[in-house]
């Protein structure tokens, strides 16, 4: 195993799924560690931070959504990529996971090849977002892509990876109206029309977190959203 192999944690109480996933990841260029519950996961996280977490929703004790919330409320792990593992492809679980700050989701049962492809795509997306030298400034809002920082009137704003992605995409298309379907496809990579409510939830959270700059994100009734100076 290469010393530079990306570390992946999987929190899954089903030993069969956990062992197969670990085997597949460890034989696909990753360094993977598995945990049956939140308690063991938190203990490992204190010792070493992974590059990505695969997180089952249904867990004994502290469930996956509760773990995700704690990760997103901690400045050390707020940007840690998290892929939720949802039961039976439930649309409710998918929406709930995305609304809670997950970066991706994978419905059970899933194939190992699909898992590896999705893990690589998410890590590639994160790596791309953290490269380059782009910076955006709009009124008091300033965002630096390679440093993954956002400030409003010189005050640092902590965003999750997906909130950051959404803000960057809006800024790259400044003054252009983007539909919910467009944002879901271009930021999340999904074409599920029924899940566009997750876009609304993230927009609402962004506006709140951006404080004085929140009203730069405008709702265009019947069409979608855009970012720009208010007329």
Protein backbone atom coordinates (compact mmCIF):
# COMPACT_ATOMS: atom_id res chain seq x y z
CA UNK A 1 0.00 0.00 0.00
CA UNK A 2 1.37 3.38 -0.99
CA UNK A 3 2.15 5.79 1.82
CA UNK A 4 0.16 8.41 -0.06
CA UNK A 5 -2.97 6.25 -0.29
CA UNK A 6 -6.09 8.19 0.65
CA UNK A 7 -7.49 7.17 4.03
CA UNK A 8 -11.20 6.27 4.02
CA UNK A 9 -13.30 5.49 7.09
CA UNK A 10 -16.48 3.43 6.82
CA UNK A 11 -19.00 3.42 9.67
CA UNK A 12 -21.31 0.45 9.05
CA UNK A 13 -22.80 -1.96 11.59
CA UNK A 14 -23.43 -4.76 9.06
CA UNK A 15 -20.17 -6.72 9.27
CA UNK A 16 -20.67 -8.35 5.88
CA UNK A 17 -21.05 -5.02 4.08
CA UNK A 18 -18.28 -3.44 6.13
CA UNK A 19 -15.78 -6.24 5.47
CA UNK A 20 -16.53 -6.38 1.72
CA UNK A 21 -16.25 -2.60 1.42
CA UNK A 22 -12.97 -2.56 3.33
CA UNK A 23 -11.58 -5.36 1.16
CA UNK A 24 -12.58 -3.54 -2.03
CA UNK A 25 -11.20 -0.16 -0.94
CA UNK A 26 -7.93 -1.63 0.33
CA UNK A 27 -7.45 -3.40 -3.00
CA UNK A 28 -8.30 -0.32 -5.05
CA UNK A 29 -5.52 2.00 -3.95
CA UNK A 30 -7.06 3.26 -0.72
CA UNK A 31 -6.26 2.74 2.94
CA UNK A 32 -9.57 1.88 4.60
CA UNK A 33 -10.62 1.37 8.19
CA UNK A 34 -14.05 0.25 9.38
CA UNK A 35 -16.10 0.84 12.51
CA UNK A 36 -19.41 -0.74 13.64
CA UNK A 37 -20.62 2.31 15.56
CA UNK A 38 -20.08 5.98 16.27
CA UNK A 39 -18.14 5.41 19.47
CA UNK A 40 -15.29 3.59 17.74
CA UNK A 41 -15.39 6.05 14.83
CA UNK A 42 -14.95 9.10 17.09
CA UNK A 43 -12.08 7.42 18.89
CA UNK A 44 -10.28 6.77 15.59
CA UNK A 45 -11.02 10.28 14.35
CA UNK A 46 -9.20 11.75 17.33
CA UNK A 47 -6.07 9.85 16.31
CA UNK A 48 -6.22 10.36 12.53
CA UNK A 49 -8.43 12.34 10.17
CA UNK A 50 -9.43 10.53 6.96
CA UNK A 51 -9.83 11.99 3.49
CA UNK A 52 -13.41 10.73 3.25
CA UNK A 53 -16.07 9.04 5.40
CA UNK A 54 -18.63 6.47 4.27
CA UNK A 55 -21.43 6.75 6.79
CA UNK A 56 -24.41 4.44 7.20
CA UNK A 57 -27.61 6.14 8.35
CA UNK A 58 -28.99 3.26 10.41
CA UNK A 59 -26.49 2.62 13.20
CA UNK A 60 -26.87 1.37 16.77
CA UNK A 61 -26.69 4.13 19.37
CA UNK A 62 -25.73 7.36 17.59
CA UNK A 63 -27.14 7.15 14.06
CA UNK A 64 -25.46 8.40 10.90
CA UNK A 65 -27.35 11.69 10.69
CA UNK A 66 -26.41 12.54 14.27
CA UNK A 67 -22.76 11.77 13.49
CA UNK A 68 -22.96 13.91 10.35
CA UNK A 69 -24.39 16.81 12.33
CA UNK A 70 -21.52 16.63 14.82
CA UNK A 71 -18.99 16.56 11.98
CA UNK A 72 -20.53 19.62 10.35
CA UNK A 73 -20.68 21.53 13.64
CA UNK A 74 -16.97 21.01 14.31
CA UNK A 75 -14.54 23.43 12.63
CA UNK A 76 -11.97 20.64 12.27
CA UNK A 77 -14.31 18.33 10.32
CA UNK A 78 -16.82 20.75 8.79
CA UNK A 79 -15.27 20.30 5.33
CA UNK A 80 -14.59 16.57 5.62
CA UNK A 81 -16.18 14.78 2.61
CA UNK A 82 -18.99 12.46 3.71
CA UNK A 83 -20.90 9.95 1.59
CA UNK A 84 -24.06 8.61 3.21
CA UNK A 85 -25.13 4.99 2.77
CA UNK A 86 -28.92 4.95 2.59
CA UNK A 87 -31.32 2.05 3.00
CA UNK A 88 -33.24 0.80 -0.04
CA UNK A 89 -32.69 4.01 -2.00
CA UNK A 90 -35.30 5.85 0.06
CA UNK A 91 -35.82 9.32 -1.40
CA UNK A 92 -36.52 10.59 2.12
CA UNK A 93 -33.15 9.29 3.33
CA UNK A 94 -31.38 10.81 0.34
CA UNK A 95 -32.94 14.24 0.82
CA UNK A 96 -32.42 14.13 4.57
CA UNK A 97 -28.76 13.24 4.14
CA UNK A 98 -28.10 15.93 1.55
CA UNK A 99 -29.98 18.54 3.58
CA UNK A 100 -27.88 17.62 6.61
CA UNK A 101 -24.64 18.38 4.79
CA UNK A 102 -23.68 15.10 3.10
CA UNK A 103 -21.61 15.47 -0.08
CA UNK A 104 -22.98 12.36 -1.76
CA UNK A 105 -25.11 9.30 -1.06
CA UNK A 106 -25.14 5.70 -2.18
CA UNK A 107 -28.23 3.53 -1.94
CA UNK A 108 -28.07 -0.04 -0.68
CA UNK A 109 -27.59 -2.56 -2.10
CA UNK A 110 -24.71 -1.12 -4.11
CA UNK A 111 -22.08 -2.70 -6.33
CA UNK A 112 -18.43 -2.44 -5.37
CA UNK A 113 -17.45 -0.97 -8.75
CA UNK A 114 -20.04 1.76 -8.34
CA UNK A 115 -18.78 2.45 -4.83
CA UNK A 116 -15.18 2.89 -6.00
CA UNK A 117 -16.28 5.09 -8.90
CA UNK A 118 -18.31 7.34 -6.59
CA UNK A 119 -15.55 7.56 -3.99
CA UNK A 120 -12.99 8.53 -6.64
CA UNK A 121 -15.39 11.07 -8.19
CA UNK A 122 -16.05 12.73 -4.82
CA UNK A 123 -12.36 12.91 -3.92
CA UNK A 124 -11.53 14.21 -7.40
CA UNK A 125 -14.19 16.88 -7.08
CA UNK A 126 -12.86 17.97 -3.71
CA UNK A 127 -9.31 18.04 -5.07
CA UNK A 128 -10.35 20.14 -8.04
CA UNK A 129 -12.17 22.60 -5.84
CA UNK A 130 -9.04 23.08 -3.74
CA UNK A 131 -6.74 23.70 -6.72
CA UNK A 132 -6.10 26.77 -8.85
CA UNK A 133 -5.86 30.38 -7.82
CA UNK A 134 -9.35 31.73 -8.27
CA UNK A 135 -10.77 34.34 -5.95
CA UNK A 136 -14.13 36.09 -6.05
CA UNK A 137 -15.05 39.41 -4.45
CA UNK A 138 -18.59 40.79 -4.40
CA UNK A 139 -19.31 43.72 -2.12
CA UNK A 140 -18.22 42.50 1.34
CA UNK A 141 -18.13 38.85 0.28
CA UNK A 142 -14.74 37.33 -0.55
CA UNK A 143 -14.07 33.71 -1.44
CA UNK A 144 -10.69 32.10 -2.09
CA UNK A 145 -11.03 28.73 -3.84
CA UNK A 146 -7.56 27.18 -3.29
CA UNK A 147 -7.59 28.16 0.38
CA UNK A 148 -11.25 27.18 0.69
CA UNK A 149 -11.98 30.33 2.70
CA UNK A 150 -14.99 32.64 2.78
CA UNK A 151 -15.15 35.99 4.52
CA UNK A 152 -17.88 38.59 4.88
CA UNK A 153 -16.60 42.04 5.82
CA UNK A 154 -13.33 40.34 6.87
CA UNK A 155 -15.13 37.88 9.18
CA UNK A 156 -14.41 34.24 8.36
CA UNK A 157 -17.48 32.18 7.50
CA UNK A 158 -17.39 28.39 7.98
CA UNK A 159 -19.18 26.47 5.24
CA UNK A 160 -19.54 22.77 4.51
CA UNK A 161 -18.03 21.48 1.27
CA UNK A 162 -21.41 21.42 -0.45
CA UNK A 163 -22.32 24.94 0.72
CA UNK A 164 -18.94 26.10 -0.56
CA UNK A 165 -19.51 24.31 -3.90
CA UNK A 166 -22.90 25.94 -4.29
CA UNK A 167 -21.59 29.42 -3.51
CA UNK A 168 -18.67 29.02 -5.93
CA UNK A 169 -20.99 27.82 -8.70
CA UNK A 170 -23.30 30.78 -8.19
CA UNK A 171 -20.34 33.19 -8.26
CA UNK A 172 -18.91 31.59 -11.40
CA UNK A 173 -22.28 32.32 -12.99
CA UNK A 174 -22.74 35.77 -11.43
CA UNK A 175 -25.94 37.56 -12.46
CA UNK A 176 -27.16 34.45 -14.30
CA UNK A 177 -30.36 32.73 -13.18
CA UNK A 178 -29.79 29.03 -12.45
CA UNK A 179 -32.72 26.68 -12.02
CA UNK A 180 -32.97 24.25 -9.12
CA UNK A 181 -32.57 21.36 -11.56
CA UNK A 182 -29.40 22.95 -12.98
CA UNK A 183 -27.92 23.46 -9.52
CA UNK A 184 -28.79 19.92 -8.44
CA UNK A 185 -27.14 18.49 -11.56
CA UNK A 186 -24.10 20.79 -11.66
CA UNK A 187 -23.33 20.96 -7.93
CA UNK A 188 -24.59 17.59 -6.67
CA UNK A 189 -24.43 15.67 -9.93
CA UNK A 190 -27.98 14.31 -9.71
CA UNK A 191 -30.99 14.48 -11.99
CA UNK A 192 -33.68 13.72 -9.41
CA UNK A 193 -36.28 16.45 -9.78
CA UNK A 194 -37.95 15.44 -6.53
CA UNK A 195 -34.83 16.31 -4.59
CA UNK A 196 -34.57 19.95 -5.64
CA UNK A 197 -35.77 20.86 -2.15
CA UNK A 198 -32.21 20.15 -1.00
CA UNK A 199 -31.12 23.11 -3.15
CA UNK A 200 -33.63 25.34 -1.35
CA UNK A 201 -32.39 24.11 2.03
CA UNK A 202 -28.76 24.86 1.16
CA UNK A 203 -29.64 28.30 -0.22
CA UNK A 204 -31.47 29.11 3.02
CA UNK A 205 -28.49 27.98 5.11
CA UNK A 206 -26.06 29.93 2.91
CA UNK A 207 -28.05 33.13 3.27
CA UNK A 208 -28.06 32.74 7.03
CA UNK A 209 -24.35 31.97 7.30
CA UNK A 210 -23.34 34.80 4.95
CA UNK A 211 -25.05 37.32 7.25
CA UNK A 212 -24.79 40.79 5.68
CA UNK A 213 -23.98 39.27 2.28
CA UNK A 214 -26.82 36.77 2.40
CA UNK A 215 -29.15 38.95 0.36
CA UNK A 216 -26.70 38.80 -2.57
CA UNK A 217 -28.27 35.41 -3.29
CA UNK A 218 -31.57 36.27 -4.92
CA UNK A 219 -34.63 34.17 -5.65
CA UNK A 220 -36.04 34.64 -9.14
CA UNK A 221 -39.64 33.55 -8.79
CA UNK A 222 -40.56 30.61 -10.98
CA UNK A 223 -37.02 30.26 -12.32
CA UNK A 224 -34.38 29.66 -9.65
CA UNK A 225 -31.53 31.57 -8.03
CA UNK A 226 -28.77 33.99 -8.93
CA UNK A 227 -26.06 35.92 -7.12
CA UNK A 228 -25.24 39.56 -7.73
CA UNK A 229 -25.71 43.08 -6.49
CA UNK A 230 -29.32 43.95 -5.83
CA UNK A 231 -30.73 46.45 -8.27
